[in-house]
Protein backbone atom coordinates (compact mmCIF):
# COMPACT_ATOMS: atom_id res chain seq x y z
CA MET A 1 0.00 0.00 0.00
CA THR A 2 1.06 3.57 -0.56
CA VAL A 3 1.34 6.18 2.18
CA VAL A 4 -1.87 7.78 0.88
CA GLU A 5 -3.73 4.45 1.05
CA ASP A 6 -2.31 3.81 4.53
CA THR A 7 -3.47 7.24 5.68
CA GLN A 8 -6.95 6.67 4.24
CA LEU A 9 -7.16 3.26 5.90
CA ALA A 10 -6.08 4.69 9.25
CA GLN A 11 -8.66 7.47 8.99
CA ARG A 12 -11.46 4.93 8.41
CA VAL A 13 -10.53 2.70 11.39
CA ALA A 14 -12.67 4.58 13.92
CA ASP A 15 -15.88 4.35 11.87
CA ASP A 16 -15.46 1.22 9.76
CA PRO A 17 -15.10 -2.19 11.44
CA GLU A 18 -13.85 -3.72 8.19
CA ALA A 19 -11.08 -1.10 7.94
CA ALA A 20 -10.19 -1.78 11.59
CA ALA A 21 -9.94 -5.51 10.83
CA VAL A 22 -7.69 -4.91 7.80
CA PHE A 23 -5.57 -2.49 9.82
CA GLY A 24 -5.23 -4.98 12.70
CA ARG A 25 -4.43 -7.96 10.45
CA ARG A 26 -1.78 -5.97 8.65
CA LEU A 27 0.02 -4.76 11.76
CA SER A 28 -0.56 -7.72 14.10
CA PRO A 29 2.41 -9.90 13.01
CA ARG A 30 4.83 -6.99 13.33
CA VAL A 31 3.40 -5.87 16.68
CA ARG A 32 3.49 -9.42 18.08
CA GLY A 33 7.06 -9.94 16.90
CA LEU A 34 8.27 -6.66 18.35
CA ALA A 35 6.51 -7.20 21.70
CA ARG A 36 7.97 -10.71 21.95
CA HIS A 37 11.46 -9.50 21.12
CA LEU A 38 11.24 -6.68 23.63
CA MET A 39 9.87 -8.80 26.49
CA GLY A 40 11.51 -12.10 25.66
CA ALA A 41 9.68 -15.38 26.03
CA ARG A 42 8.37 -14.48 29.46
CA ASP A 43 4.69 -14.48 30.16
CA GLY A 44 3.12 -11.21 29.26
CA TRP A 45 4.45 -10.47 25.79
CA GLU A 46 1.11 -11.47 24.29
CA ASP A 47 -0.66 -9.07 26.66
CA ALA A 48 1.76 -6.33 25.67
CA ALA A 49 1.05 -7.05 21.99
CA GLN A 50 -2.70 -6.89 22.56
CA LEU A 51 -2.39 -3.60 24.44
CA SER A 52 -0.26 -2.27 21.61
CA LEU A 53 -2.85 -3.25 19.01
CA ILE A 54 -5.56 -1.51 21.04
CA GLU A 55 -3.39 1.61 21.26
CA LEU A 56 -2.80 1.47 17.51
CA LEU A 57 -6.52 1.26 16.79
CA ARG A 58 -7.16 4.21 19.10
CA ALA A 59 -4.36 6.26 17.57
CA ALA A 60 -5.07 5.33 13.93
CA PRO A 61 -6.97 8.55 13.10
CA ARG A 62 -3.87 10.53 14.16
CA TYR A 63 -1.61 8.76 11.65
CA ASN A 64 -0.69 11.47 9.17
CA GLY A 65 1.48 9.58 6.69
CA SER A 66 4.69 11.39 7.56
CA GLY A 67 6.44 8.01 7.75
CA SER A 68 5.58 4.43 6.95
CA LEU A 69 2.67 2.87 8.80
CA GLU A 70 4.98 0.14 10.08
CA ARG A 71 7.47 2.59 11.62
CA TRP A 72 4.60 4.56 13.16
CA SER A 73 3.19 1.34 14.65
CA ASP A 74 6.65 0.37 15.94
CA ARG A 75 6.87 3.62 17.93
CA ILE A 76 3.53 2.97 19.59
CA THR A 77 4.33 -0.71 20.18
CA VAL A 78 7.70 0.07 21.79
CA ARG A 79 6.23 2.67 24.12
CA THR A 80 3.25 0.50 25.07
CA THR A 81 5.35 -2.64 25.60
CA LEU A 82 7.96 -0.84 27.70
CA ARG A 83 5.24 0.82 29.78
CA PHE A 84 3.55 -2.58 30.27
CA ALA A 85 6.84 -4.25 31.29
CA ARG A 86 7.69 -1.42 33.71
CA ALA A 87 4.24 -1.58 35.35
CA ARG A 88 4.51 -5.34 35.64
CA ARG A 89 7.94 -5.11 37.31
CA GLU A 90 6.58 -2.52 39.76
CA VAL A 91 3.67 -4.77 40.71
CA GLN A 92 6.00 -7.73 41.21
CA ALA A 93 8.35 -5.60 43.33
CA ARG A 94 5.45 -4.44 45.53
CA GLN A 95 4.43 -8.05 46.02
CA GLY A 96 7.88 -8.78 47.40
CA ASP A 97 9.05 -10.76 44.39
CA GLN A 98 12.26 -8.83 43.83
CA ASP A 99 14.43 -11.64 42.52
CA PRO A 100 15.06 -10.74 38.86
CA GLU A 101 15.57 -14.36 37.87
CA HIS A 102 11.82 -14.89 37.47
CA LEU A 103 11.86 -12.30 34.70
CA LEU A 104 14.21 -14.32 32.52
CA ALA A 105 13.66 -17.47 30.59
CA PRO A 106 15.53 -20.44 32.05
CA PRO A 107 18.99 -20.70 30.48
CA GLY A 108 18.75 -22.59 27.22
CA ALA A 109 14.94 -22.83 27.31
CA ASP A 110 14.46 -21.64 23.75
CA LEU A 111 17.89 -22.33 22.27
CA VAL A 112 16.77 -25.37 20.32
CA ALA A 113 13.29 -24.20 19.31
CA GLN A 114 14.06 -20.53 18.64
CA GLY A 115 17.75 -20.53 17.83
CA GLU A 116 20.85 -19.57 19.75
CA VAL A 117 20.57 -15.82 19.39
CA LEU A 118 16.92 -15.56 20.46
CA GLY A 119 17.71 -17.58 23.58
CA ILE A 120 20.59 -15.24 24.34
CA LEU A 121 18.52 -12.12 23.73
CA GLU A 122 15.99 -13.38 26.24
CA ARG A 123 18.70 -13.46 28.91
CA LEU A 124 19.78 -9.86 28.39
CA ASP A 125 18.77 -7.09 30.72
CA PRO A 126 15.48 -5.70 29.30
CA THR A 127 16.96 -2.23 28.64
CA ARG A 128 19.84 -3.73 26.67
CA ARG A 129 17.62 -6.22 24.87
CA THR A 130 15.36 -3.34 23.77
CA VAL A 131 18.14 -1.36 22.09
CA VAL A 132 19.79 -4.45 20.57
CA VAL A 133 16.48 -5.62 19.08
CA LEU A 134 15.51 -2.18 17.81
CA ARG A 135 18.94 -1.68 16.24
CA HIS A 136 19.70 -5.12 14.80
CA VAL A 137 16.29 -6.69 14.22
CA TYR A 138 14.22 -3.63 13.28
CA GLU A 139 17.15 -1.55 11.96
CA TYR A 140 16.39 1.68 13.83
CA GLY A 141 19.09 4.33 14.10
CA ILE A 142 20.52 5.57 17.40
CA ASP A 143 18.46 8.77 17.34
CA GLU A 144 15.27 6.84 16.57
CA ILE A 145 15.92 4.44 19.44
CA ALA A 146 16.58 7.33 21.79
CA ASN A 147 13.27 8.88 20.76
CA LEU A 148 11.36 5.59 21.12
CA THR A 149 12.77 4.72 24.52
CA GLY A 150 12.96 8.21 25.97
CA VAL A 151 16.66 8.06 26.86
CA SER A 152 19.65 10.02 25.56
CA ARG A 153 21.72 9.04 22.51
CA ASN A 154 24.67 8.27 24.79
CA THR A 155 22.55 5.97 26.95
CA VAL A 156 21.39 4.14 23.81
CA LYS A 157 24.98 3.79 22.62
CA ASP A 158 26.11 2.53 26.02
CA ARG A 159 23.29 -0.02 26.25
CA LEU A 160 23.99 -1.14 22.69
CA VAL A 161 27.70 -1.66 23.39
CA GLN A 162 26.96 -3.52 26.63
CA GLY A 163 24.23 -5.59 24.99
CA ARG A 164 26.46 -6.59 22.07
CA ARG A 165 29.26 -7.51 24.46
CA GLU A 166 26.88 -9.63 26.53
CA VAL A 167 25.53 -11.38 23.41
CA ARG A 168 29.09 -12.19 22.27
CA GLN A 169 29.95 -13.55 25.74
CA HIS A 170 26.84 -15.75 25.78
CA LEU A 171 27.59 -17.00 22.26
CA ARG A 172 31.17 -17.87 23.18
CA ALA A 173 30.02 -19.65 26.35
CA GLN A 174 27.31 -21.53 24.45
CA ARG A 175 29.75 -22.69 21.77
CA ALA A 176 32.38 -23.67 24.33
CA ARG A 177 30.05 -26.08 26.12
CA PRO A 178 30.69 -29.67 25.11
CA ALA A 179 27.82 -31.42 23.39
CA LEU A 180 25.80 -33.65 25.69
CA LYS A 181 26.44 -37.31 25.10
CA LEU A 182 23.50 -39.64 25.38
CA VAL A 183 24.31 -42.70 27.44
CA ARG A 184 22.26 -45.81 26.87
CA THR A 185 21.35 -47.72 29.97
CA GLY A 186 20.86 -51.42 30.06
CA GLN A 187 22.02 -53.83 27.36
CA GLY A 188 25.61 -53.60 28.55
CA ALA A 189 26.05 -49.92 27.87
């Protein structure tokens, strides 16, 4: 679709259920992927994606076509997902669950099913994971990431450097582990 068609679609969302359905179907895969990347495989990424889709539907009439619809939706998704994750951490902290380990996937949980890098990304600190994903998966620039996350350029750069370093360390450690050998029991083994 062209920017003009995207703008027209967004303008119809509030009054036309069919336009809202088309709009949602178009953006849903991207929103779900971004929310999952930002939150990792922990519980809650689906809730963050749903909240993001709701926010997108509410904000659709304000889309003015100054950028692509996908980039516009990314900005809303990032803000909504980060706000959701922050609120969730605050609730967990108030409930006395302050051990950060519950926020991370168990080591290696998704390495086979999702690939080495996704498993490693899930173990990163959420602030580092956010900038690494936005930079390397969604190809945002430093200034764009700073704008999306509400932190300075230097903070983005620092988190990106630290996140990359941590990913490299996890990759080296993962590759250095010897392969598990299956031992047969019984039959003289």
